[in-house]
Protein backbone atom coordinates (compact mmCIF):
# COMPACT_ATOMS: atom_id res chain seq x y z
CA MET A 1 106.54 58.42 139.21
CA PHE A 2 105.45 62.14 138.83
CA SER A 3 103.90 63.48 142.31
CA ALA A 4 101.08 65.54 142.01
CA ARG A 5 103.16 68.53 144.04
CA LEU A 6 105.40 68.25 140.99
CA LEU A 7 102.91 68.25 138.45
CA ILE A 8 101.30 71.24 139.76
CA ARG A 9 104.45 73.12 140.29
CA ARG A 10 105.14 72.47 136.68
CA ARG A 11 101.80 73.88 135.46
CA LYS A 12 102.57 76.91 137.67
CA ASN A 13 106.11 77.52 135.79
CA PRO A 14 104.76 79.28 132.62
CA ASP A 15 103.15 82.12 134.79
CA GLU A 16 106.44 82.36 136.96
CA PRO A 17 108.15 84.61 134.37
CA ARG A 18 105.17 86.74 134.25
CA VAL A 19 104.93 87.19 138.21
CA ARG A 20 108.44 88.08 138.48
CA LEU A 21 108.46 90.72 135.81
CA GLU A 22 105.33 92.07 137.67
CA ARG A 23 107.14 91.95 141.13
CA GLU A 24 110.20 93.59 139.90
CA GLY A 25 108.60 96.10 137.84
CA ARG A 26 106.46 97.29 140.68
CA ASP A 27 109.94 97.52 142.97
CA ARG A 28 111.12 99.65 140.19
CA ILE A 29 107.97 101.94 139.92
CA ARG A 30 108.03 102.03 143.90
CA ARG A 31 111.68 103.18 143.84
CA ILE A 32 111.04 106.05 141.55
CA THR A 33 108.19 107.33 143.34
CA GLN A 34 109.79 107.25 146.88
CA ALA A 35 112.91 109.11 145.73
CA MET A 36 111.58 112.22 147.36
CA ASN A 37 111.07 110.48 150.67
CA LYS A 38 113.10 107.42 151.38
CA VAL A 39 112.73 107.30 155.29
CA PRO A 40 109.49 105.30 156.32
CA TRP A 41 107.27 107.33 158.70
CA THR A 42 107.66 104.54 161.47
CA ASN A 43 111.41 105.18 161.65
CA SER A 44 110.15 109.11 162.22
CA ALA A 45 107.80 107.97 164.97
CA MET A 46 109.83 105.72 166.89
CA GLN A 47 112.67 108.64 167.00
CA ILE A 48 109.74 111.27 168.38
CA ILE A 49 109.02 108.81 170.94
CA TRP A 50 112.36 107.96 172.03
CA VAL A 51 113.68 111.62 171.94
CA SER A 52 110.22 112.88 174.01
CA GLY A 53 110.15 110.02 176.34
CA PRO A 54 113.41 108.46 177.60
CA VAL A 55 115.85 110.93 176.42
CA THR A 56 113.97 113.77 177.78
CA LEU A 57 113.42 112.07 181.49
CA LEU A 58 117.19 111.15 181.72
CA GLY A 59 118.16 114.98 180.54
CA ALA A 60 115.68 116.26 183.42
CA TRP A 61 117.10 113.63 185.92
CA VAL A 62 120.64 114.59 184.92
CA GLY A 63 120.03 118.40 184.81
CA TYR A 64 118.46 118.53 188.17
CA LEU A 65 121.10 116.52 189.96
CA LEU A 66 123.78 118.87 188.22
CA GLY A 67 121.98 122.46 189.41
CA TYR A 68 120.58 121.30 192.51
CA GLY A 69 122.89 118.42 193.47
CA ARG A 70 119.72 116.09 193.98
CA GLY A 71 117.40 114.03 191.79
CA PRO A 72 113.88 115.53 191.08
CA SER A 73 110.85 115.06 193.43
CA MET A 74 107.43 113.34 192.51
CA GLU A 75 105.93 116.33 191.62
CA ASN A 76 108.69 117.08 189.03
CA TYR A 77 108.93 113.59 187.54
CA VAL A 78 104.95 113.93 187.07
CA PHE A 79 105.42 117.48 185.23
CA PHE A 80 108.50 115.92 182.94
CA ILE A 81 106.37 112.42 182.23
CA SER A 82 103.17 114.72 181.39
CA TYR A 83 105.31 117.10 179.22
CA ALA A 84 107.00 114.47 177.27
CA LEU A 85 103.84 112.53 176.69
CA ILE A 86 101.88 115.12 175.50
CA THR A 87 104.80 116.48 173.10
CA GLY A 88 105.37 112.99 171.99
CA LEU A 89 101.81 112.20 171.14
CA ALA A 90 101.54 115.75 169.45
CA GLY A 91 104.37 115.10 167.31
CA ILE A 92 103.19 111.43 166.50
CA ILE A 93 99.88 112.87 165.24
CA ALA A 94 101.69 115.99 163.35
CA ASN A 95 103.86 113.37 161.55
CA PHE A 96 101.24 110.51 160.89
CA ALA A 97 98.89 113.39 159.31
CA HIS A 98 102.17 114.24 156.96
CA HIS A 99 102.87 111.01 155.92
CA LEU A 100 99.30 110.18 155.36
CA THR A 101 98.72 113.25 152.80
CA ARG A 102 102.56 112.25 151.88
CA GLY A 103 101.47 108.90 151.05
CA ARG A 104 98.65 110.00 148.82
CA LYS A 105 100.90 111.85 146.86
CA HIS A 106 103.11 108.99 146.44
CA GLU A 107 99.95 106.95 145.36
CA ARG A 108 99.79 109.77 142.69
CA ALA A 109 103.21 109.73 141.50
CA ALA A 110 102.98 105.95 141.26
CA ALA A 111 100.00 105.93 139.13
CA ARG A 112 101.68 108.60 136.73
CA VAL A 113 104.88 106.69 136.69
CA SER A 114 102.89 102.91 135.59
CA GLN A 115 100.66 105.43 133.25
CA VAL A 116 103.70 106.80 131.38
CA LEU A 117 105.42 103.36 131.32
CA ASP A 118 102.65 101.70 130.22
CA THR A 119 101.74 104.36 127.73
CA LEU A 120 104.70 104.77 125.87
CA PRO A 121 105.51 101.69 124.46
CA GLU A 122 101.60 102.10 123.02
CA LEU A 123 102.70 105.24 121.53
CA VAL A 124 105.56 103.81 119.98
CA LEU A 125 103.13 101.41 117.79
CA ILE A 126 100.59 103.97 116.76
CA THR A 127 103.54 106.48 115.71
CA ARG A 128 105.09 103.29 113.19
CA ASN A 129 101.44 102.61 112.15
CA LEU A 130 101.13 106.54 111.21
CA ILE A 131 104.41 106.49 109.27
CA VAL A 132 103.06 103.47 107.35
CA GLU A 133 99.43 104.99 106.93
CA SER A 134 100.81 108.16 105.83
CA LEU A 135 102.55 106.74 102.91
CA GLU A 136 100.93 105.07 99.67
CA GLY A 137 101.59 102.30 97.26
CA ASP A 138 104.89 100.85 97.12
CA ALA A 139 106.65 103.23 99.74
CA ARG A 140 104.08 101.87 102.18
CA ARG A 141 105.08 98.03 101.28
CA ARG A 142 108.74 99.12 101.72
CA GLU A 143 108.11 101.04 104.84
CA ALA A 144 106.32 98.16 106.63
CA ALA A 145 109.09 95.72 105.45
CA ALA A 146 111.84 97.74 106.95
CA MET A 147 109.89 97.87 110.13
CA LEU A 148 109.45 94.05 110.38
CA LEU A 149 113.26 93.40 109.34
CA ARG A 150 114.48 95.51 112.05
CA LYS A 151 112.95 92.96 114.70
CA HIS A 152 115.84 90.84 115.93
CA ASP A 153 113.40 88.13 117.07
CA LEU A 154 111.29 88.10 113.52
CA ALA A 155 110.19 84.53 112.74
CA PRO A 156 110.95 83.07 109.39
CA GLU A 157 107.59 83.96 108.31
CA GLY A 158 107.87 87.26 108.75
CA VAL A 159 111.24 87.59 106.92
CA GLU A 160 109.37 85.87 104.06
CA LEU A 161 106.63 88.49 104.50
CA ALA A 162 109.07 91.43 104.52
CA ALA A 163 110.93 90.11 101.37
CA ILE A 164 107.79 89.63 99.41
CA GLU A 165 107.13 93.44 99.99
CA LEU A 166 110.11 94.29 98.95
CA LEU A 167 111.11 92.18 96.10
CA ASP A 168 107.74 91.17 94.80
CA ASP A 169 109.29 87.93 94.12
CA GLU A 170 107.94 84.98 96.58
CA GLU A 171 110.67 82.49 95.26
CA SER A 172 113.05 84.20 96.56
CA ALA A 173 111.39 85.39 99.56
CA ARG A 174 111.14 81.46 100.28
CA ARG A 175 114.78 81.13 99.77
CA ILE A 176 115.55 83.96 102.19
CA ALA A 177 113.18 82.56 104.63
CA GLN A 178 114.69 78.91 104.49
CA ILE A 179 118.15 81.14 105.25
CA ASP A 180 116.77 82.60 108.50
CA VAL A 181 115.78 79.11 109.66
CA TYR A 182 119.22 77.92 108.94
CA ARG A 183 120.47 81.07 110.89
CA ARG A 184 118.34 80.12 114.07
CA VAL A 185 120.11 76.76 114.69
CA GLY A 186 123.67 77.90 113.62
CA MET A 187 123.99 76.14 110.68
CA GLN A 188 126.48 78.54 108.92
CA SER A 189 128.03 75.60 106.33
CA ARG A 190 124.31 75.27 104.94
CA ILE A 191 123.67 79.05 105.10
CA ARG A 192 126.84 79.53 102.66
CA ASP A 193 125.49 76.52 100.68
CA LEU A 194 122.48 78.50 99.84
CA VAL A 195 123.86 81.90 99.44
CA GLY A 196 126.25 80.68 96.83
CA LEU A 197 123.31 78.75 94.95
CA TYR A 198 120.99 81.94 95.03
CA ARG A 199 123.12 84.84 95.02
CA GLU A 200 123.15 85.04 91.19
CA HIS A 201 119.40 84.88 91.39
CA ILE A 202 118.65 87.43 94.57
CA ASP A 203 121.58 89.89 94.28
CA PRO A 204 120.90 91.79 91.02
CA ARG A 205 117.27 92.33 92.39
CA LEU A 206 118.82 93.79 95.59
CA ASN A 207 121.08 95.67 93.75
CA GLU A 208 118.03 97.44 91.74
CA LEU A 209 116.45 98.33 94.83
CA ALA A 210 119.43 99.43 96.83
CA ASP A 211 118.76 103.32 95.35
CA VAL A 212 114.91 103.01 96.01
CA ALA A 213 115.19 101.41 99.53
CA PRO A 214 118.79 101.64 101.19
CA GLU A 215 118.10 101.04 104.43
CA ALA A 216 115.20 98.35 104.07
CA ILE A 217 117.55 96.64 101.41
CA SER A 218 120.57 96.77 103.30
CA LEU A 219 118.57 94.76 106.23
CA LEU A 220 117.21 92.14 103.83
CA ARG A 221 120.65 91.46 102.42
CA ASP A 222 122.10 90.85 105.88
CA ARG A 223 119.22 88.24 106.19
CA PHE A 224 120.02 86.49 102.97
CA ALA A 225 123.42 86.58 104.17
CA GLY A 226 122.32 84.98 107.40
CA ARG A 227 122.43 87.67 109.91
CA ALA A 228 119.94 89.45 112.06
CA PRO A 229 119.88 92.66 114.15
CA ASP A 230 122.14 92.10 117.23
CA LEU A 231 120.39 92.73 120.42
CA HIS A 232 123.34 94.24 122.32
CA GLN A 233 124.35 96.74 119.33
CA GLY A 234 120.64 98.10 119.44
CA VAL A 235 118.56 99.89 116.74
CA ALA A 236 120.26 102.99 114.82
CA ARG A 237 119.01 106.00 115.75
CA ASP A 238 117.62 108.43 113.34
CA GLU A 239 120.21 111.20 112.70
CA ASN A 240 119.31 114.66 114.56
CA PHE A 241 116.16 113.85 115.47
CA ILE A 242 116.47 115.89 118.30
CA GLU A 243 117.77 118.97 116.37
CA ARG A 244 114.36 119.03 114.03
CA VAL A 245 112.47 118.70 117.14
CA LEU A 246 113.83 121.71 118.81
CA ALA A 247 114.01 123.59 115.61
CA ALA A 248 110.07 122.98 115.38
CA ILE A 249 109.22 124.22 118.86
CA GLU A 250 111.64 127.04 118.26
CA GLN A 251 110.10 128.07 115.09
CA ASP A 252 106.62 127.10 116.02
CA ASN A 253 106.72 124.96 112.88
CA ALA A 254 105.62 121.27 113.27
CA LEU A 255 106.48 120.13 109.80
CA LEU A 256 110.40 121.01 110.72
CA MET A 257 109.46 117.74 112.77
CA THR A 258 108.98 113.84 110.87
CA LEU A 259 106.79 111.11 112.64
CA GLN A 260 110.21 109.35 112.67
CA ASP A 261 111.51 112.13 115.11
CA VAL A 262 108.53 111.32 117.33
CA GLU A 263 109.17 107.53 117.28
CA GLU A 264 112.76 108.62 118.50
CA MET A 265 111.78 110.82 121.05
CA ILE A 266 109.27 108.45 122.57
CA ILE A 267 111.84 105.72 122.42
CA LEU A 268 114.55 108.00 124.20
CA ALA A 269 112.38 108.77 126.91
CA PHE A 270 111.30 105.41 128.04
CA GLU A 271 114.95 104.48 127.47
CA LEU A 272 115.83 107.15 130.39
CA LEU A 273 112.94 106.08 132.28
CA CYS A 274 114.08 102.66 132.21
CA GLY A 275 117.69 103.93 133.57
CA ARG A 276 119.60 104.06 130.18
CA ARG A 277 122.61 105.96 130.92
CA ILE A 278 124.28 107.10 127.60
CA PRO A 279 127.77 107.92 127.53
CA MET A 280 129.33 111.53 126.49
CA LEU A 281 132.74 112.18 125.74
CA THR A 282 133.90 115.72 125.64
CA PHE A 283 137.35 118.10 126.24
CA GLU A 284 138.16 119.69 129.43
CA TYR A 285 141.22 121.85 130.22
CA ARG A 286 142.20 122.72 133.96
CA GLY A 287 145.25 124.94 134.08
CA ARG A 288 145.77 128.47 132.89
CA TRP A 289 142.43 130.58 132.77
CA HIS A 290 142.92 132.08 129.52
CA LEU A 291 143.51 128.85 127.59
CA ALA A 292 140.78 126.81 129.32
CA ARG A 293 138.45 129.92 128.19
CA ALA A 294 139.96 129.76 124.45
CA LEU A 295 139.03 125.74 124.83
CA ASP A 296 135.79 126.26 125.53
CA ALA A 297 134.79 128.66 123.42
CA LEU A 298 136.16 126.78 120.43
CA GLU A 299 135.03 123.67 121.82
CA GLN A 300 131.29 125.26 121.96
CA THR A 301 131.97 126.60 118.40
CA ARG A 302 132.81 123.64 116.95
CA SER A 303 129.65 122.00 118.46
CA ARG A 304 127.43 124.74 116.81
CA TYR A 305 129.20 124.00 113.52
CA ARG A 306 128.55 120.19 113.48
CA ILE A 307 125.14 120.72 114.22
CA GLN A 308 124.69 123.31 112.08
CA GLN A 309 125.86 121.33 109.31
CA ALA A 310 123.83 118.41 110.01
CA THR A 311 120.76 120.88 110.20
CA GLY A 312 120.92 121.43 106.29
CA LEU A 313 120.53 117.51 105.72
CA SER A 314 117.77 117.62 108.33
CA ARG A 315 115.54 120.09 107.00
CA LEU A 316 115.80 118.65 103.37
CA LYS A 317 114.78 115.37 105.17
CA ALA A 318 111.56 117.24 106.86
CA LEU A 319 110.84 118.53 103.24
CA THR A 320 110.99 115.32 101.57
CA VAL A 321 109.02 113.61 104.66
CA TYR A 322 106.36 116.43 104.15
CA LEU A 323 106.03 115.72 100.69
CA ALA A 324 105.93 111.96 101.11
CA GLU A 325 103.04 112.49 103.26
CA GLN A 326 100.82 114.29 101.13
CA SER A 327 98.72 112.44 98.53
CA GLY A 328 99.01 112.89 94.98
CA THR A 329 103.00 114.05 94.70
CA LEU A 330 105.49 112.52 93.25
CA VAL A 331 107.81 111.80 96.45
CA GLU A 332 106.47 107.96 97.39
CA ASP A 333 108.68 108.12 100.61
CA ALA A 334 111.68 109.85 102.13
CA ALA A 335 113.69 106.23 102.71
CA ALA A 336 116.35 106.46 104.91
CA GLY A 337 119.81 106.18 103.72
CA LEU A 338 119.20 108.56 100.30
CA ARG A 339 121.70 111.04 99.33
CA ALA A 340 121.12 114.35 99.67
CA GLU A 341 121.26 115.03 95.90
CA THR A 342 118.86 112.17 95.51
CA LEU A 343 116.45 113.93 97.80
CA THR A 344 116.69 117.41 96.31
CA ALA A 345 115.79 116.00 93.23
CA ARG A 346 112.73 114.44 93.97
CA CYS A 347 111.61 117.45 96.12
CA ARG A 348 112.38 119.94 93.07
CA GLN A 349 110.71 117.22 90.86
CA ALA A 350 107.37 117.01 93.04
CA MET A 351 107.21 120.73 93.35
CA ASP A 352 107.38 121.54 90.07
CA ALA A 353 104.53 118.77 89.14
CA LEU A 354 102.38 120.34 91.88
CA SER A 355 102.67 123.96 90.71
CA GLU A 356 101.57 122.48 87.18
CA GLN A 357 98.65 120.78 88.72
CA ILE A 358 97.79 123.85 90.49
CA GLU A 359 97.78 125.78 87.36
CA HIS A 360 95.70 123.53 85.64
CA LEU A 361 93.11 123.27 88.69
CA ALA A 362 93.36 127.33 88.74
CA SER A 363 92.38 127.41 84.77
CA GLY A 364 89.32 125.07 85.51
CA VAL A 365 88.19 127.12 88.57
CA LYS A 366 87.90 130.37 86.24
CA GLN A 367 86.05 128.54 83.72
CA GLY A 368 83.24 127.86 86.17
CA ARG A 369 84.62 124.20 87.50
CA SER A 370 83.49 125.11 91.20
CA ASP A 371 84.09 121.30 92.46
CA LEU A 372 87.78 121.81 91.82
CA ARG A 373 87.91 124.56 94.50
CA PRO A 374 88.25 122.30 97.34
CA GLU A 375 91.35 120.27 95.78
CA LEU A 376 92.66 123.70 94.39
CA ARG A 377 93.22 125.07 98.05
CA GLU A 378 94.63 121.85 99.26
CA ARG A 379 97.22 121.63 96.43
CA ALA A 380 97.79 125.41 97.47
CA GLU A 381 98.48 124.94 100.76
CA ILE A 382 100.83 122.04 100.22
CA LEU A 383 103.00 124.11 97.96
CA THR A 384 102.97 127.24 100.39
CA ASN A 385 104.30 124.76 103.06
CA ALA A 386 106.61 123.15 100.62
CA ILE A 387 108.00 126.53 99.87
CA LYS A 388 108.56 127.51 103.57
CA LEU A 389 110.54 124.48 104.34
CA PHE A 390 112.19 125.23 100.88
CA ARG A 391 113.53 128.12 102.25
CA SER A 392 114.32 127.13 105.54
CA VAL A 393 117.20 125.18 103.38
CA GLN A 394 118.24 127.64 101.85
CA GLU A 395 118.65 129.62 104.84
CA ASN A 396 120.57 127.12 106.51
CA TYR A 397 122.86 127.28 104.00
CA GLY A 398 123.95 130.69 104.86
CA GLN A 399 123.97 129.98 108.39
CA ILE A 400 126.40 127.28 107.91
CA ALA A 401 129.08 130.03 106.39
CA ARG A 402 128.71 131.95 109.27
CA SER A 403 129.40 129.37 111.69
CA HIS A 404 132.39 128.22 109.71
CA ALA A 405 133.67 132.00 109.90
CA THR A 406 132.99 131.81 113.65
CA LEU A 407 134.88 128.57 113.97
CA ILE A 408 137.63 130.01 111.51
CA ARG A 409 138.08 132.71 114.33
CA HIS A 410 138.08 130.86 117.35
CA SER A 411 140.82 128.61 116.10
CA GLN A 412 143.08 130.88 115.50
CA ARG A 413 142.55 132.46 118.54
CA TRP A 414 143.36 129.00 119.90
CA GLU A 415 146.50 128.68 118.01
CA ALA A 416 147.74 131.90 118.56
CA ILE A 417 147.30 131.34 122.28
CA THR A 418 148.84 127.68 121.99
CA GLU A 419 152.19 128.62 120.37
CA GLN A 420 153.27 131.13 123.17
CA MET A 421 153.30 128.15 125.34
CA ASN A 422 155.21 124.38 125.91
CA ASP A 423 154.05 121.88 123.64
CA LYS A 424 153.24 119.50 126.66
CA ALA A 425 150.59 122.12 128.02
CA THR A 426 148.36 121.23 125.11
CA HIS A 427 149.20 117.91 124.49
CA LEU A 428 146.16 115.35 125.51
CA GLN A 429 146.78 114.20 129.01
CA VAL A 430 146.06 110.34 129.59
CA GLY A 431 148.31 109.78 132.87
CA PRO A 432 147.25 110.37 136.97
CA GLY A 433 146.07 113.84 137.60
CA LYS A 434 143.42 116.36 136.69
CA ARG A 435 145.15 119.52 135.01
CA GLY A 436 146.07 119.76 131.16
CA LEU A 437 144.07 118.79 128.28
CA ARG A 438 142.06 115.75 128.96
CA ILE A 439 139.06 113.50 127.55
CA HIS A 440 135.99 113.96 130.10
CA GLU A 441 133.69 111.02 130.44
CA ASN A 442 130.28 111.89 131.70
CA HIS A 443 126.81 110.21 131.28
CA ILE A 444 123.26 111.29 130.31
CA GLU A 445 120.83 109.90 132.81
CA LEU A 446 117.90 110.50 134.75
CA THR A 447 117.90 109.94 138.65
CA ASP A 448 115.06 108.40 140.71
CA GLY A 449 113.85 111.90 141.57
CA GLU A 450 113.81 113.10 138.08
CA LYS A 451 112.30 110.03 136.53
CA ALA A 452 109.02 111.21 138.58
CA ARG A 453 109.29 114.74 137.81
CA VAL A 454 109.20 113.66 134.16
CA CYS A 455 106.07 111.38 134.27
CA ARG A 456 104.59 113.81 136.17
CA HIS A 457 104.60 116.47 133.47
CA LEU A 458 104.10 113.84 130.67
CA ALA A 459 101.04 112.48 132.26
CA ARG A 460 99.38 115.60 132.25
CA TYR A 461 99.56 115.78 128.34
CA LEU A 462 98.77 111.89 128.28
CA ASN A 463 95.48 112.35 130.27
CA GLU A 464 94.66 115.24 127.82
CA THR A 465 94.90 113.09 125.06
CA ARG A 466 93.40 109.85 126.31
CA ALA A 467 90.04 110.12 124.52
CA ASP A 468 92.00 110.70 121.38
CA ARG A 469 93.99 107.67 121.62
CA GLU A 470 90.51 105.66 122.47
CA ARG A 471 89.12 106.96 119.45
CA TYR A 472 92.19 106.26 117.43
CA HIS A 473 92.10 102.30 118.40
CA GLN A 474 88.05 102.26 117.91
CA GLN A 475 88.33 103.75 114.33
CA ASP A 476 88.00 101.74 111.03
CA HIS A 477 91.74 102.40 109.67
CA GLY A 478 90.97 100.74 106.15
CA SER A 479 88.42 103.07 105.23
CA GLN A 480 88.36 105.73 102.87
CA GLY A 481 87.35 108.58 104.95
CA ALA A 482 89.85 108.03 107.77
CA THR A 483 92.29 110.84 108.45
CA THR A 484 95.58 111.14 110.00
CA SER A 485 96.35 114.71 110.20
CA GLY A 486 94.63 115.05 113.26
CA TYR A 487 96.86 112.27 114.87
CA ILE A 488 100.15 113.62 113.22
CA ALA A 489 99.47 116.36 114.78
CA MET A 490 98.91 114.76 118.43
CA ALA A 491 101.94 112.56 118.14
CA LYS A 492 104.22 115.63 117.03
CA HIS A 493 102.92 117.43 120.30
CA LEU A 494 103.95 114.69 122.15
CA ALA A 495 107.50 114.63 120.74
CA ILE A 496 107.37 118.43 121.57
CA GLU A 497 106.10 117.62 125.26
CA ILE A 498 108.88 115.23 126.02
CA ALA A 499 111.72 117.29 124.77
CA LEU A 500 110.37 120.36 127.16
CA ALA A 501 109.85 117.56 130.02
CA LEU A 502 113.55 116.00 129.20
CA GLU A 503 115.54 119.70 128.70
CA PRO A 504 115.97 120.69 132.57
CA TYR A 505 117.28 117.59 133.34
CA ILE A 506 119.78 116.21 130.80
CA HIS A 507 119.71 119.45 128.34
CA LEU A 508 118.57 118.36 124.71
CA SER A 509 119.73 121.76 123.41
CA ARG A 510 123.38 121.38 124.29
CA PRO A 511 125.27 120.51 120.83
CA GLU A 512 127.23 118.03 122.94
CA VAL A 513 124.48 116.01 124.48
CA GLN A 514 122.86 115.73 120.82
CA ARG A 515 125.65 114.48 119.36
CA ALA A 516 126.11 111.98 122.14
CA ILE A 517 122.60 110.79 121.90
CA ASN A 518 123.24 110.53 117.82
CA ALA A 519 126.12 108.44 118.42
CA THR A 520 124.93 105.46 120.28
CA ASN A 521 122.08 103.27 119.43
CA ALA A 522 118.45 102.93 120.67
CA ALA A 523 117.56 99.84 122.77
CA TYR A 524 115.42 97.30 121.07
CA PHE A 525 111.97 97.10 122.40
CA GLY A 526 110.45 94.96 120.37
CA HIS A 527 109.66 92.47 122.95
CA LEU A 528 107.07 94.96 125.07
CA GLU A 529 103.54 94.12 123.63
CA PRO A 530 100.53 95.91 124.31
CA ASP A 531 98.50 93.65 126.63
CA LEU A 532 101.50 93.46 129.16
CA SER A 533 101.08 95.73 132.50
CA ALA A 534 102.94 98.56 133.37
CA ALA A 535 105.00 96.71 136.00
CA ALA A 536 106.29 94.34 133.05
CA LYS A 537 106.98 96.76 130.60
CA ALA A 538 109.10 98.85 132.98
CA THR A 539 110.85 95.15 134.18
CA LEU A 540 111.26 94.41 130.10
CA GLY A 541 112.47 97.82 129.20
CA ALA A 542 115.19 97.78 132.06
CA ALA A 543 116.74 94.38 130.69
CA MET A 544 116.57 95.45 126.92
CA VAL A 545 118.54 98.68 128.28
CA ASN A 546 120.81 96.86 130.28
CA GLU A 547 121.73 94.29 127.12
CA ILE A 548 122.73 97.58 125.09
CA ASN A 549 127.09 97.68 124.64
CA ASP A 550 127.86 101.28 124.35
CA ASP A 551 130.23 101.56 121.52
CA LEU A 552 132.33 105.10 122.16
CA SER A 553 134.68 104.01 119.48
CA ARG A 554 133.01 106.54 116.99
CA SER A 555 133.14 109.20 119.65
CA ALA A 556 136.66 108.66 120.41
CA GLU A 557 137.77 108.68 116.75
CA SER A 558 135.67 111.92 116.61
CA LEU A 559 137.30 113.46 119.26
CA ALA A 560 140.94 112.43 118.00
CA ILE A 561 140.13 113.69 114.34
CA ALA A 562 138.92 117.19 116.46
CA LEU A 563 142.08 117.11 118.50
CA VAL A 564 144.01 117.06 115.11
CA ARG A 565 142.29 119.02 112.82
CA HIS A 566 140.73 121.82 115.08
CA TYR A 567 143.46 122.06 118.13
CA ARG A 568 146.57 121.47 116.45
CA VAL A 569 147.11 118.78 118.79
CA ALA A 570 149.70 116.03 117.67
CA LEU A 571 148.70 112.55 118.77
CA GLU A 572 151.52 111.06 120.55
CA PRO A 573 151.63 107.19 120.83
CA GLU A 574 150.86 107.45 124.50
CA ALA A 575 147.54 108.98 123.67
CA ILE A 576 146.46 106.72 120.55
CA ASN A 577 147.23 103.64 123.37
CA PHE A 578 144.89 104.73 125.65
CA LEU A 579 142.19 105.68 122.85
CA ILE A 580 142.21 102.14 121.74
CA ARG A 581 142.51 100.35 125.03
CA GLN A 582 139.92 102.56 126.48
CA TYR A 583 136.94 103.29 124.12
CA GLY A 584 137.88 100.59 121.05
CA ALA A 585 139.22 103.53 118.53
CA ARG A 586 140.53 101.92 115.44
CA ALA A 587 144.50 102.15 115.51
CA SER A 588 144.78 102.52 111.51
CA THR A 589 142.50 105.55 112.06
CA LEU A 590 144.47 107.20 114.93
CA ASN A 591 147.94 106.53 113.01
CA ILE A 592 146.59 108.30 110.24
CA LEU A 593 145.88 111.30 112.28
CA SER A 594 149.20 110.80 114.28
CA ASN A 595 150.84 111.30 110.73
CA ILE A 596 149.45 114.70 109.61
CA ASP A 597 152.15 117.52 109.58
CA GLN A 598 150.35 120.03 111.86
CA THR A 599 152.28 122.70 110.41
CA ALA A 600 151.12 121.94 106.92
CA HIS A 601 147.18 121.75 107.70
CA ARG A 602 146.23 125.32 109.22
CA ASN A 603 143.13 127.06 108.31
CA ILE A 604 141.74 124.61 106.30
CA SER A 605 138.23 125.89 105.09
CA LEU A 606 135.41 123.26 106.07
CA LEU A 607 132.70 124.67 103.86
CA SER A 608 133.34 121.82 101.43
CA GLN A 609 132.05 119.62 103.81
CA ARG A 610 128.42 121.43 103.84
CA PRO A 611 125.61 119.78 102.39
CA ALA A 612 124.89 120.50 98.77
CA GLY A 613 122.91 123.71 97.81
CA ILE A 614 119.46 123.15 97.04
CA GLY A 615 119.01 126.15 94.67
CA THR A 616 116.79 129.13 94.40
CA VAL A 617 113.13 129.01 94.62
CA PRO A 618 111.87 129.11 91.14
CA ARG A 619 109.22 131.77 90.15
CA ARG A 620 106.66 129.42 88.36
CA TRP A 621 106.04 128.39 92.33
CA TYR A 622 105.30 131.71 93.08
CA ARG A 623 103.20 132.41 89.88
CA ALA A 624 101.17 129.37 90.48
CA LEU A 625 100.11 130.51 93.84
CA ILE A 626 99.19 133.79 92.83
CA LYS A 627 96.94 131.91 90.47
CA ALA A 628 95.14 129.74 92.95
CA LYS A 629 95.00 132.71 94.92
CA ARG A 630 93.07 134.86 92.19
CA ALA A 631 91.03 131.73 91.20
CA LEU A 632 89.71 131.27 94.62
CA ASN A 633 88.89 134.98 95.48
């Protein structure tokens, strides 16, 4: 028999998770906004009453007794009681007025935090749509399919849709979806049966498209093998996105930043506001001051050199993305995972074709075709911006050489100092103590007070652009006249504001911070739906952040490589065991490093590791722009 009470309880059960999310989210928002003042005003009022009342009277009586040898008279009691009441009442009124104004500030702060936590996930979805909207043809289909396949909870129907978009083969897509159904119920034996049955048909198609869309095909290949993205591993970040955003700020050139960078910045901000703690491994030395100074200089130079190396590919990617976003160019997309040589070839080919189009249009305008003037002006502007980005790639190639020379100089100074000392002084110390060369583990995070200040900064920009976001939701994205340039500029400005808001607290401009963030995966926020409240989004965001397993193995191996190659420090068995046990570094990698002969590997040039040169700017590009300018004048 089922009682009415049990039936009512069961009916309420579906709403309980939502209610719990709301409650936990409101508690989180309240904790952030009250970080500046954690003492309730009632406690302060009770303190004032206690001090102004019994404490004052007791002090007066004891003082009178010690000074005059007798207790105070009734007139004295009236004086002290009146004094205590008046001062206590004045203090309570002042404190109440203070907390009244403070309460309003807390309400405004809570509103700002709620607004930011509610809007950032929505802006992630808008940015992703802008990424797809800026592409054309097959590139748009591939990018949309990749976004679907990144969802770890994607239904089999979604897997089938993504496979159709990528393979354009409904039969293969249906088979991959069948494998995903079996994956959901853990039937690995059936997955192996289906993979063996369909491999000969599907593998050639995947291999054919691997060079066109490496990341998307890799995700689809995992689905075909019965694997889905792991919630605990998170989502891989777009490499060096922080460097591109900061470069756009420094050079006042939004073209250096891509929409993928905007998405990554929004996700990073939301992660930190939800309590993400990103681990960071660095070297530190405590001991002789001149050795410590040499180590700091070498570590800073090495970090700058690594960032400089990555900058070349970042600039090249920005150029490719810019050309892909412009209609009528030969670059369809800048798919993740493509080699630098492939990107360079695509860019040069597209810019060659663009210069030919400009020359043809300029010739038509000179012959009196005034209807071609708008298109000529647009093509010329695209080529002008592309040449600027092309030249930034060239300039970076020279900067890498200068950074490398500085690195060699500091490395030689370190070697000269360490050769004069005992070997133990520069060995990696893993035991107890603080002196010597050690690995320092820190975390990139925001305190509750810093979260409130970041939200205050971002809320100002979100309020300024609220009308633009509302127009974006209301416009017809399928219409031919819909333009995205204004919304792209708004999105990039948001990424800049996020970088400026975070810089004072986590120091994004520092190379070691960028390296630490790039080495970790982002949390998966696919569960956040637009119709959820800010409190629910805050709770779900915190839950997703807590699900991430921070993998420090790559960072530990990078530090081990730096120890051996840059600092000439031998890896002892004790240090190897420590890196394996503490950070999960691979024993095979560390054993190879431990066998390197330090005396035989000095002053090795690392210039061979820099990205391949992009070449010089052909004169025909400039000639095309000159012809366009003459035709338009």
